[in-house]
């Protein structure tokens, strides 16, 4: 019922449970964007770029706006203002949760982001049982080895292997 003649929309699963107002805002945003693309087309000399995907910050906000985000912290005032402008237009409920990092210690250091990235990309993942997962990627295959690490459950080898594999 919200589509005008010649329009069609695909709603992603992220739209489940959102209110009508949010859908209307998205449609208005898409219509405005489409008008800018059509206008650029009429004024452009080929080859010309008519559309460019939003920057990663805006993409993340757009894709995460419906997931109950409590807080988004920026370490760049200009990016924060861009994000606020976007949110005021498309996700006003998210605009209030945007804030600027004001501590002297860099944001990534405060939250140990680089260490977490290194850990996530490591070839070896430690398990709480003492076992490990080793991931080795080559051109031909990706091998994943689950090791018990010498841990033994009271039920014997099979019980230990099952427990480690489940973990």
N, C-alpha and C. Protein backbone atom coordinates (compact mmCIF):
# COMPACT_ATOMS: atom_id res chain seq x y z
N UNK A 1 0.81 -1.21 0.00
CA UNK A 1 0.00 0.00 0.00
C UNK A 1 0.84 1.26 0.00
N UNK A 2 2.12 1.16 0.41
CA UNK A 2 2.99 2.33 0.46
C UNK A 2 3.66 2.61 -0.89
N UNK A 3 3.70 1.60 -1.75
CA UNK A 3 4.35 1.75 -3.05
C UNK A 3 3.49 2.56 -3.99
N UNK A 4 4.14 3.46 -4.70
CA UNK A 4 3.46 4.23 -5.74
C UNK A 4 3.54 3.47 -7.05
N UNK A 5 2.83 3.93 -8.07
CA UNK A 5 2.87 3.26 -9.37
C UNK A 5 4.30 3.13 -9.86
N UNK A 6 4.65 1.94 -10.31
CA UNK A 6 5.98 1.67 -10.84
C UNK A 6 7.02 1.35 -9.78
N UNK A 7 6.64 1.36 -8.53
CA UNK A 7 7.58 1.06 -7.45
C UNK A 7 7.37 -0.36 -6.94
N UNK A 8 8.43 -0.90 -6.40
CA UNK A 8 8.37 -2.18 -5.74
C UNK A 8 9.46 -2.22 -4.68
N UNK A 9 9.22 -2.94 -3.62
CA UNK A 9 10.18 -2.98 -2.52
C UNK A 9 10.39 -4.41 -2.06
N UNK A 10 11.60 -4.68 -1.66
CA UNK A 10 11.93 -5.96 -1.05
C UNK A 10 12.30 -5.65 0.39
N UNK A 11 11.60 -6.26 1.32
CA UNK A 11 11.91 -6.04 2.74
C UNK A 11 12.80 -7.18 3.21
N UNK A 12 13.92 -6.80 3.83
CA UNK A 12 14.83 -7.80 4.37
C UNK A 12 14.33 -8.25 5.73
N UNK A 13 14.91 -9.31 6.24
CA UNK A 13 14.48 -9.84 7.54
C UNK A 13 14.67 -8.83 8.66
N UNK A 14 15.58 -7.89 8.49
CA UNK A 14 15.79 -6.86 9.51
C UNK A 14 14.53 -5.99 9.68
N UNK A 15 13.63 -6.02 8.70
CA UNK A 15 12.41 -5.23 8.78
C UNK A 15 11.34 -5.89 9.66
N UNK A 16 11.55 -7.14 10.03
CA UNK A 16 10.57 -7.84 10.86
C UNK A 16 10.43 -7.11 12.20
N UNK A 17 9.21 -6.75 12.53
CA UNK A 17 8.94 -6.13 13.81
C UNK A 17 9.14 -4.62 13.87
N UNK A 18 9.62 -4.01 12.79
CA UNK A 18 9.76 -2.56 12.82
C UNK A 18 8.41 -1.91 12.57
N UNK A 19 8.25 -0.72 13.05
CA UNK A 19 6.99 -0.01 12.88
C UNK A 19 6.82 0.56 11.49
N UNK A 20 5.61 0.93 11.20
CA UNK A 20 5.28 1.51 9.90
C UNK A 20 6.09 2.78 9.63
N UNK A 21 6.29 3.59 10.67
CA UNK A 21 7.05 4.84 10.49
C UNK A 21 8.45 4.58 9.96
N UNK A 22 9.10 3.54 10.46
CA UNK A 22 10.45 3.21 10.01
C UNK A 22 10.44 2.80 8.54
N UNK A 23 9.44 2.04 8.14
CA UNK A 23 9.33 1.63 6.73
C UNK A 23 9.07 2.84 5.85
N UNK A 24 8.20 3.73 6.30
CA UNK A 24 7.91 4.95 5.54
C UNK A 24 9.17 5.80 5.38
N UNK A 25 9.96 5.93 6.46
CA UNK A 25 11.21 6.69 6.38
C UNK A 25 12.17 6.06 5.36
N UNK A 26 12.26 4.74 5.38
CA UNK A 26 13.13 4.06 4.42
C UNK A 26 12.66 4.31 2.98
N UNK A 27 11.37 4.22 2.77
CA UNK A 27 10.83 4.44 1.42
C UNK A 27 11.10 5.87 0.97
N UNK A 28 10.89 6.83 1.85
CA UNK A 28 11.16 8.24 1.49
C UNK A 28 12.64 8.45 1.18
N UNK A 29 13.49 7.81 1.97
CA UNK A 29 14.93 7.91 1.73
C UNK A 29 15.28 7.32 0.35
N UNK A 30 14.71 6.15 0.05
CA UNK A 30 14.97 5.51 -1.24
C UNK A 30 14.44 6.35 -2.40
N UNK A 31 13.27 6.94 -2.25
CA UNK A 31 12.72 7.80 -3.31
C UNK A 31 13.63 9.00 -3.55
N UNK A 32 14.07 9.66 -2.46
CA UNK A 32 14.98 10.80 -2.60
C UNK A 32 16.26 10.38 -3.30
N UNK A 33 16.79 9.23 -2.89
CA UNK A 33 18.03 8.75 -3.48
C UNK A 33 17.82 8.46 -4.98
N UNK A 34 16.71 7.84 -5.30
CA UNK A 34 16.43 7.53 -6.70
C UNK A 34 16.31 8.81 -7.53
N UNK A 35 15.69 9.84 -6.96
CA UNK A 35 15.58 11.12 -7.68
C UNK A 35 16.96 11.71 -7.95
N UNK A 36 17.89 11.56 -7.00
CA UNK A 36 19.25 12.05 -7.21
C UNK A 36 19.95 11.25 -8.32
N UNK A 37 19.72 9.94 -8.38
CA UNK A 37 20.31 9.11 -9.43
C UNK A 37 19.76 9.52 -10.79
N UNK A 38 18.45 9.71 -10.89
CA UNK A 38 17.83 10.10 -12.17
C UNK A 38 18.35 11.48 -12.59
N UNK A 39 18.45 12.39 -11.64
CA UNK A 39 18.96 13.73 -11.94
C UNK A 39 20.41 13.66 -12.42
N UNK A 40 21.22 12.86 -11.75
CA UNK A 40 22.62 12.71 -12.16
C UNK A 40 22.69 12.11 -13.57
N UNK A 41 21.78 11.18 -13.87
CA UNK A 41 21.77 10.55 -15.19
C UNK A 41 21.48 11.56 -16.28
N UNK A 42 20.55 12.44 -16.05
CA UNK A 42 20.19 13.43 -17.08
C UNK A 42 21.29 14.45 -17.30
N UNK A 43 22.14 14.66 -16.28
CA UNK A 43 23.19 15.67 -16.40
C UNK A 43 24.55 15.08 -16.74
N UNK A 44 24.68 13.76 -16.71
CA UNK A 44 25.98 13.12 -16.85
C UNK A 44 26.34 12.87 -18.31
N UNK A 45 27.65 12.83 -18.53
CA UNK A 45 28.18 12.42 -19.82
C UNK A 45 28.87 11.09 -19.60
N UNK A 46 28.42 10.04 -20.30
CA UNK A 46 29.01 8.71 -20.07
C UNK A 46 30.49 8.69 -20.42
N UNK A 47 31.27 7.87 -19.79
CA UNK A 47 30.90 7.06 -18.63
C UNK A 47 30.85 7.93 -17.37
N UNK A 48 29.88 7.64 -16.52
CA UNK A 48 29.72 8.43 -15.30
C UNK A 48 29.16 7.55 -14.19
N UNK A 49 29.58 7.82 -12.99
CA UNK A 49 29.06 7.10 -11.82
C UNK A 49 27.79 7.82 -11.38
N UNK A 50 26.70 7.07 -11.31
CA UNK A 50 25.41 7.64 -10.91
C UNK A 50 25.07 7.34 -9.45
N UNK A 51 25.68 6.28 -8.93
CA UNK A 51 25.40 5.87 -7.56
C UNK A 51 26.69 5.35 -6.94
N UNK A 52 26.89 5.68 -5.69
CA UNK A 52 28.02 5.14 -4.94
C UNK A 52 27.49 4.67 -3.59
N UNK A 53 27.89 3.48 -3.19
CA UNK A 53 27.45 2.94 -1.91
C UNK A 53 27.92 3.86 -0.79
N UNK A 54 27.14 3.90 0.27
CA UNK A 54 27.47 4.73 1.43
C UNK A 54 28.79 4.26 2.04
N UNK A 55 29.44 5.16 2.77
CA UNK A 55 30.70 4.79 3.42
C UNK A 55 30.42 3.72 4.49
N UNK A 56 31.45 3.01 4.92
CA UNK A 56 31.25 1.89 5.85
C UNK A 56 30.55 2.28 7.16
N UNK A 57 30.77 3.48 7.65
CA UNK A 57 30.12 3.91 8.89
C UNK A 57 28.61 4.00 8.67
N UNK A 58 28.20 4.63 7.60
CA UNK A 58 26.77 4.77 7.29
C UNK A 58 26.17 3.41 6.99
N UNK A 59 26.88 2.56 6.25
CA UNK A 59 26.38 1.20 5.97
C UNK A 59 26.11 0.45 7.26
N UNK A 60 27.04 0.54 8.19
CA UNK A 60 26.89 -0.17 9.46
C UNK A 60 25.70 0.36 10.24
N UNK A 61 25.54 1.67 10.29
CA UNK A 61 24.39 2.25 10.99
C UNK A 61 23.09 1.84 10.32
N UNK A 62 23.07 1.90 9.00
CA UNK A 62 21.86 1.53 8.24
C UNK A 62 21.48 0.08 8.51
N UNK A 63 22.49 -0.80 8.52
CA UNK A 63 22.22 -2.22 8.67
C UNK A 63 22.00 -2.65 10.11
N UNK A 64 22.42 -1.82 11.06
CA UNK A 64 22.30 -2.18 12.47
C UNK A 64 21.22 -1.42 13.21
N UNK A 65 20.59 -0.48 12.55
CA UNK A 65 19.65 0.41 13.23
C UNK A 65 18.50 -0.32 13.92
N UNK A 66 18.09 -1.45 13.41
CA UNK A 66 16.95 -2.14 13.99
C UNK A 66 17.30 -3.18 15.04
N UNK A 67 18.55 -3.24 15.47
CA UNK A 67 18.97 -4.31 16.37
C UNK A 67 19.17 -3.87 17.80
N UNK A 68 18.49 -2.84 18.24
CA UNK A 68 18.58 -2.41 19.63
C UNK A 68 19.96 -1.93 20.02
N UNK A 69 20.63 -1.22 19.14
CA UNK A 69 21.96 -0.70 19.44
C UNK A 69 21.83 0.33 20.56
N UNK A 70 22.59 0.13 21.62
CA UNK A 70 22.51 1.02 22.79
C UNK A 70 23.45 2.21 22.67
N UNK A 71 24.59 2.02 21.99
CA UNK A 71 25.59 3.08 21.99
C UNK A 71 26.56 2.86 20.84
N UNK A 72 26.91 3.95 20.15
CA UNK A 72 27.93 3.91 19.11
C UNK A 72 28.90 5.05 19.41
N UNK A 73 30.18 4.70 19.55
CA UNK A 73 31.19 5.69 19.94
C UNK A 73 32.10 5.97 18.75
N UNK A 74 32.33 7.25 18.50
CA UNK A 74 33.17 7.70 17.39
C UNK A 74 34.42 8.36 17.95
N UNK A 75 35.53 8.25 17.22
CA UNK A 75 36.73 8.97 17.62
C UNK A 75 37.04 10.09 16.63
N UNK A 76 36.08 10.40 15.78
CA UNK A 76 36.24 11.45 14.77
C UNK A 76 34.97 12.29 14.76
N UNK A 77 35.09 13.56 15.12
CA UNK A 77 33.92 14.44 15.24
C UNK A 77 33.18 14.62 13.91
N UNK A 78 33.91 14.70 12.82
CA UNK A 78 33.27 14.88 11.51
C UNK A 78 32.44 13.65 11.14
N UNK A 79 32.98 12.46 11.39
CA UNK A 79 32.22 11.23 11.10
C UNK A 79 31.00 11.11 12.01
N UNK A 80 31.14 11.56 13.24
CA UNK A 80 30.01 11.57 14.16
C UNK A 80 28.89 12.46 13.63
N UNK A 81 29.24 13.64 13.15
CA UNK A 81 28.21 14.55 12.62
C UNK A 81 27.55 13.99 11.37
N UNK A 82 28.34 13.34 10.48
CA UNK A 82 27.77 12.68 9.30
C UNK A 82 26.78 11.59 9.74
N UNK A 83 27.19 10.82 10.73
CA UNK A 83 26.34 9.74 11.23
C UNK A 83 25.07 10.29 11.86
N UNK A 84 25.18 11.36 12.62
CA UNK A 84 23.99 11.97 13.23
C UNK A 84 23.02 12.48 12.16
N UNK A 85 23.57 13.11 11.13
CA UNK A 85 22.71 13.61 10.05
C UNK A 85 21.98 12.46 9.38
N UNK A 86 22.69 11.37 9.12
CA UNK A 86 22.06 10.20 8.52
C UNK A 86 20.97 9.64 9.43
N UNK A 87 21.30 9.50 10.70
CA UNK A 87 20.35 8.91 11.66
C UNK A 87 19.12 9.80 11.85
N UNK A 88 19.31 11.10 11.88
CA UNK A 88 18.14 11.99 12.02
C UNK A 88 17.17 11.77 10.87
N UNK A 89 17.71 11.45 9.72
CA UNK A 89 16.87 11.24 8.53
C UNK A 89 16.24 9.85 8.51
N UNK A 90 17.02 8.82 8.84
CA UNK A 90 16.55 7.45 8.63
C UNK A 90 16.28 6.67 9.90
N UNK A 91 17.00 6.96 10.96
CA UNK A 91 16.84 6.21 12.22
C UNK A 91 16.95 7.15 13.41
N UNK A 92 15.96 8.02 13.59
CA UNK A 92 16.06 9.03 14.64
C UNK A 92 16.25 8.44 16.04
N UNK A 93 15.73 7.24 16.27
CA UNK A 93 15.89 6.61 17.58
C UNK A 93 17.35 6.26 17.86
N UNK A 94 18.15 6.11 16.81
CA UNK A 94 19.56 5.77 16.96
C UNK A 94 20.43 7.02 17.14
N UNK A 95 19.96 8.16 16.67
CA UNK A 95 20.77 9.40 16.71
C UNK A 95 21.22 9.75 18.12
N UNK A 96 20.39 9.51 19.11
CA UNK A 96 20.73 9.85 20.49
C UNK A 96 21.78 8.93 21.09
N UNK A 97 22.00 7.77 20.49
CA UNK A 97 22.97 6.82 21.04
C UNK A 97 24.37 7.02 20.46
N UNK A 98 24.55 8.02 19.61
CA UNK A 98 25.86 8.31 19.03
C UNK A 98 26.61 9.29 19.92
N UNK A 99 27.86 8.97 20.20
CA UNK A 99 28.64 9.86 21.07
C UNK A 99 30.09 9.91 20.63
N UNK A 100 30.77 10.97 21.07
CA UNK A 100 32.18 11.17 20.74
C UNK A 100 33.06 10.66 21.87
N UNK A 101 34.09 9.91 21.52
CA UNK A 101 35.08 9.43 22.48
C UNK A 101 35.94 10.62 22.91
N UNK A 102 35.98 10.90 24.19
CA UNK A 102 36.68 12.10 24.65
C UNK A 102 37.88 11.81 25.54
N UNK A 103 38.20 10.55 25.75
CA UNK A 103 39.36 10.22 26.59
C UNK A 103 40.66 10.44 25.83
N UNK A 104 41.75 10.59 26.58
CA UNK A 104 43.06 10.77 25.96
C UNK A 104 43.57 9.48 25.33
N UNK A 105 43.20 8.34 25.92
CA UNK A 105 43.63 7.04 25.40
C UNK A 105 42.79 6.73 24.15
N UNK A 106 43.43 6.34 23.04
CA UNK A 106 42.68 6.04 21.81
C UNK A 106 41.59 4.99 22.05
N UNK A 107 40.48 5.15 21.34
CA UNK A 107 39.31 4.30 21.49
C UNK A 107 39.63 2.82 21.30
N UNK A 108 40.40 2.48 20.26
CA UNK A 108 40.73 1.07 20.01
C UNK A 108 41.57 0.49 21.13
N UNK A 109 42.42 1.33 21.74
CA UNK A 109 43.25 0.83 22.83
C UNK A 109 42.40 0.60 24.08
N UNK A 110 41.45 1.49 24.35
CA UNK A 110 40.58 1.36 25.52
C UNK A 110 39.84 0.02 25.48
N UNK A 111 39.36 -0.35 24.31
CA UNK A 111 38.55 -1.57 24.17
C UNK A 111 39.34 -2.76 23.62
N UNK A 112 40.66 -2.60 23.50
CA UNK A 112 41.55 -3.67 23.04
C UNK A 112 41.09 -4.27 21.70
N UNK A 113 40.66 -3.41 20.80
CA UNK A 113 40.11 -3.85 19.52
C UNK A 113 41.17 -4.57 18.69
N UNK A 114 42.36 -4.01 18.59
CA UNK A 114 43.38 -4.64 17.76
C UNK A 114 43.76 -6.02 18.29
N UNK A 115 43.83 -6.15 19.61
CA UNK A 115 44.14 -7.45 20.20
C UNK A 115 43.03 -8.45 19.89
N UNK A 116 41.77 -8.01 19.93
CA UNK A 116 40.65 -8.89 19.63
C UNK A 116 40.66 -9.31 18.16
N UNK A 117 41.03 -8.40 17.28
CA UNK A 117 41.13 -8.73 15.86
C UNK A 117 42.23 -9.77 15.65
N UNK A 118 43.39 -9.53 16.28
CA UNK A 118 44.50 -10.50 16.17
C UNK A 118 44.07 -11.87 16.67
N UNK A 119 43.36 -11.89 17.80
CA UNK A 119 42.90 -13.16 18.36
C UNK A 119 41.90 -13.85 17.43
N UNK A 120 41.00 -13.07 16.86
CA UNK A 120 40.00 -13.65 15.96
C UNK A 120 40.62 -14.21 14.69
N UNK A 121 41.73 -13.63 14.25
CA UNK A 121 42.37 -14.07 13.02
C UNK A 121 43.49 -15.08 13.26
N UNK A 122 43.75 -15.41 14.50
CA UNK A 122 44.83 -16.34 14.83
C UNK A 122 44.51 -17.74 14.29
N UNK A 123 45.57 -18.47 13.94
CA UNK A 123 45.41 -19.82 13.42
C UNK A 123 45.04 -20.81 14.52
N UNK A 124 45.34 -20.48 15.77
CA UNK A 124 45.05 -21.36 16.89
C UNK A 124 44.05 -20.70 17.82
N UNK A 125 43.00 -21.43 18.15
CA UNK A 125 41.97 -20.94 19.07
C UNK A 125 41.99 -21.84 20.30
N UNK A 126 42.23 -21.23 21.45
CA UNK A 126 42.24 -22.00 22.70
C UNK A 126 40.82 -22.26 23.18
N UNK A 127 40.57 -23.48 23.62
CA UNK A 127 39.27 -23.86 24.17
C UNK A 127 39.36 -23.86 25.69
N UNK A 128 38.26 -23.64 26.36
CA UNK A 128 38.27 -23.56 27.82
C UNK A 128 38.63 -24.91 28.46
N UNK A 129 38.43 -26.00 27.75
CA UNK A 129 38.76 -27.32 28.30
C UNK A 129 40.25 -27.62 28.26
N UNK A 130 41.02 -26.74 27.61
CA UNK A 130 42.45 -26.99 27.45
C UNK A 130 42.80 -27.44 26.04
N UNK A 131 41.79 -27.76 25.25
CA UNK A 131 42.02 -28.16 23.86
C UNK A 131 42.24 -26.95 22.98
N UNK A 132 42.47 -27.20 21.71
CA UNK A 132 42.68 -26.13 20.74
C UNK A 132 42.03 -26.48 19.41
N UNK A 133 41.74 -25.44 18.66
CA UNK A 133 41.35 -25.59 17.27
C UNK A 133 42.45 -24.94 16.46
N UNK A 134 42.97 -25.65 15.47
CA UNK A 134 44.01 -25.09 14.61
C UNK A 134 43.44 -25.01 13.20
N UNK A 135 43.49 -23.84 12.64
CA UNK A 135 42.95 -23.61 11.30
C UNK A 135 44.12 -23.26 10.39
N UNK A 136 44.29 -24.05 9.35
CA UNK A 136 45.40 -23.84 8.42
C UNK A 136 44.82 -23.75 7.01
N UNK A 137 44.96 -22.59 6.41
CA UNK A 137 44.39 -22.36 5.09
C UNK A 137 45.50 -22.34 4.05
N UNK A 138 45.30 -23.10 2.99
CA UNK A 138 46.24 -23.12 1.87
C UNK A 138 45.46 -22.82 0.60
N UNK A 139 46.15 -22.80 -0.52
CA UNK A 139 45.48 -22.55 -1.80
C UNK A 139 44.50 -23.66 -2.14
N UNK A 140 44.81 -24.88 -1.68
CA UNK A 140 44.01 -26.03 -2.07
C UNK A 140 42.91 -26.38 -1.07
N UNK A 141 43.08 -26.02 0.21
CA UNK A 141 42.09 -26.44 1.19
C UNK A 141 42.21 -25.62 2.47
N UNK A 142 41.23 -25.78 3.30
CA UNK A 142 41.25 -25.20 4.64
C UNK A 142 41.12 -26.36 5.62
N UNK A 143 42.18 -26.62 6.38
CA UNK A 143 42.19 -27.73 7.33
C UNK A 143 41.87 -27.20 8.72
N UNK A 144 40.95 -27.87 9.40
CA UNK A 144 40.58 -27.52 10.76
C UNK A 144 40.85 -28.73 11.63
N UNK A 145 41.78 -28.58 12.57
CA UNK A 145 42.19 -29.67 13.44
C UNK A 145 41.74 -29.36 14.86
N UNK A 146 40.97 -30.25 15.45
CA UNK A 146 40.51 -30.09 16.83
C UNK A 146 41.34 -31.01 17.71
N UNK A 147 42.06 -30.42 18.66
CA UNK A 147 42.93 -31.18 19.55
C UNK A 147 42.40 -31.12 20.98
N UNK A 148 42.46 -32.26 21.66
CA UNK A 148 41.99 -32.31 23.05
C UNK A 148 42.99 -31.68 24.00
N UNK A 149 44.20 -31.53 23.60
CA UNK A 149 45.21 -30.90 24.44
C UNK A 149 45.58 -31.74 25.65
N UNK A 150 45.44 -33.03 25.56
CA UNK A 150 45.79 -33.90 26.67
C UNK A 150 44.71 -34.00 27.72
N UNK A 151 43.65 -33.26 27.55
CA UNK A 151 42.53 -33.32 28.50
C UNK A 151 41.83 -34.67 28.35
N UNK A 152 41.46 -35.27 29.45
CA UNK A 152 40.72 -36.53 29.34
C UNK A 152 39.53 -36.49 30.29
N UNK A 153 38.39 -36.78 29.73
CA UNK A 153 37.16 -36.82 30.53
C UNK A 153 37.08 -38.17 31.22
N UNK A 154 36.25 -38.26 32.24
CA UNK A 154 36.13 -39.49 33.01
C UNK A 154 35.58 -40.64 32.17
N UNK A 155 34.92 -40.35 31.05
CA UNK A 155 34.32 -41.40 30.24
C UNK A 155 35.24 -41.98 29.19
N UNK A 156 36.52 -41.62 29.20
CA UNK A 156 37.45 -42.18 28.24
C UNK A 156 37.64 -41.29 27.03
N UNK A 157 38.39 -41.83 26.04
CA UNK A 157 38.76 -41.07 24.86
C UNK A 157 37.55 -40.56 24.08
N UNK A 158 36.56 -41.45 23.86
CA UNK A 158 35.39 -41.04 23.08
C UNK A 158 34.66 -39.88 23.75
N UNK A 159 34.52 -39.94 25.07
CA UNK A 159 33.85 -38.88 25.82
C UNK A 159 34.66 -37.58 25.71
N UNK A 160 35.97 -37.69 25.81
CA UNK A 160 36.85 -36.51 25.69
C UNK A 160 36.73 -35.91 24.30
N UNK A 161 36.80 -36.73 23.27
CA UNK A 161 36.70 -36.25 21.88
C UNK A 161 35.36 -35.59 21.63
N UNK A 162 34.28 -36.22 22.11
CA UNK A 162 32.96 -35.66 21.93
C UNK A 162 32.86 -34.30 22.63
N UNK A 163 33.29 -34.24 23.87
CA UNK A 163 33.23 -32.99 24.63
C UNK A 163 34.02 -31.87 23.97
N UNK A 164 35.22 -32.19 23.49
CA UNK A 164 36.05 -31.19 22.83
C UNK A 164 35.42 -30.75 21.51
N UNK A 165 34.91 -31.70 20.75
CA UNK A 165 34.27 -31.35 19.48
C UNK A 165 33.02 -30.50 19.70
N UNK A 166 32.24 -30.82 20.71
CA UNK A 166 31.06 -30.01 21.00
C UNK A 166 31.45 -28.59 21.43
N UNK A 167 32.53 -28.50 22.21
CA UNK A 167 32.98 -27.18 22.64
C UNK A 167 33.44 -26.37 21.44
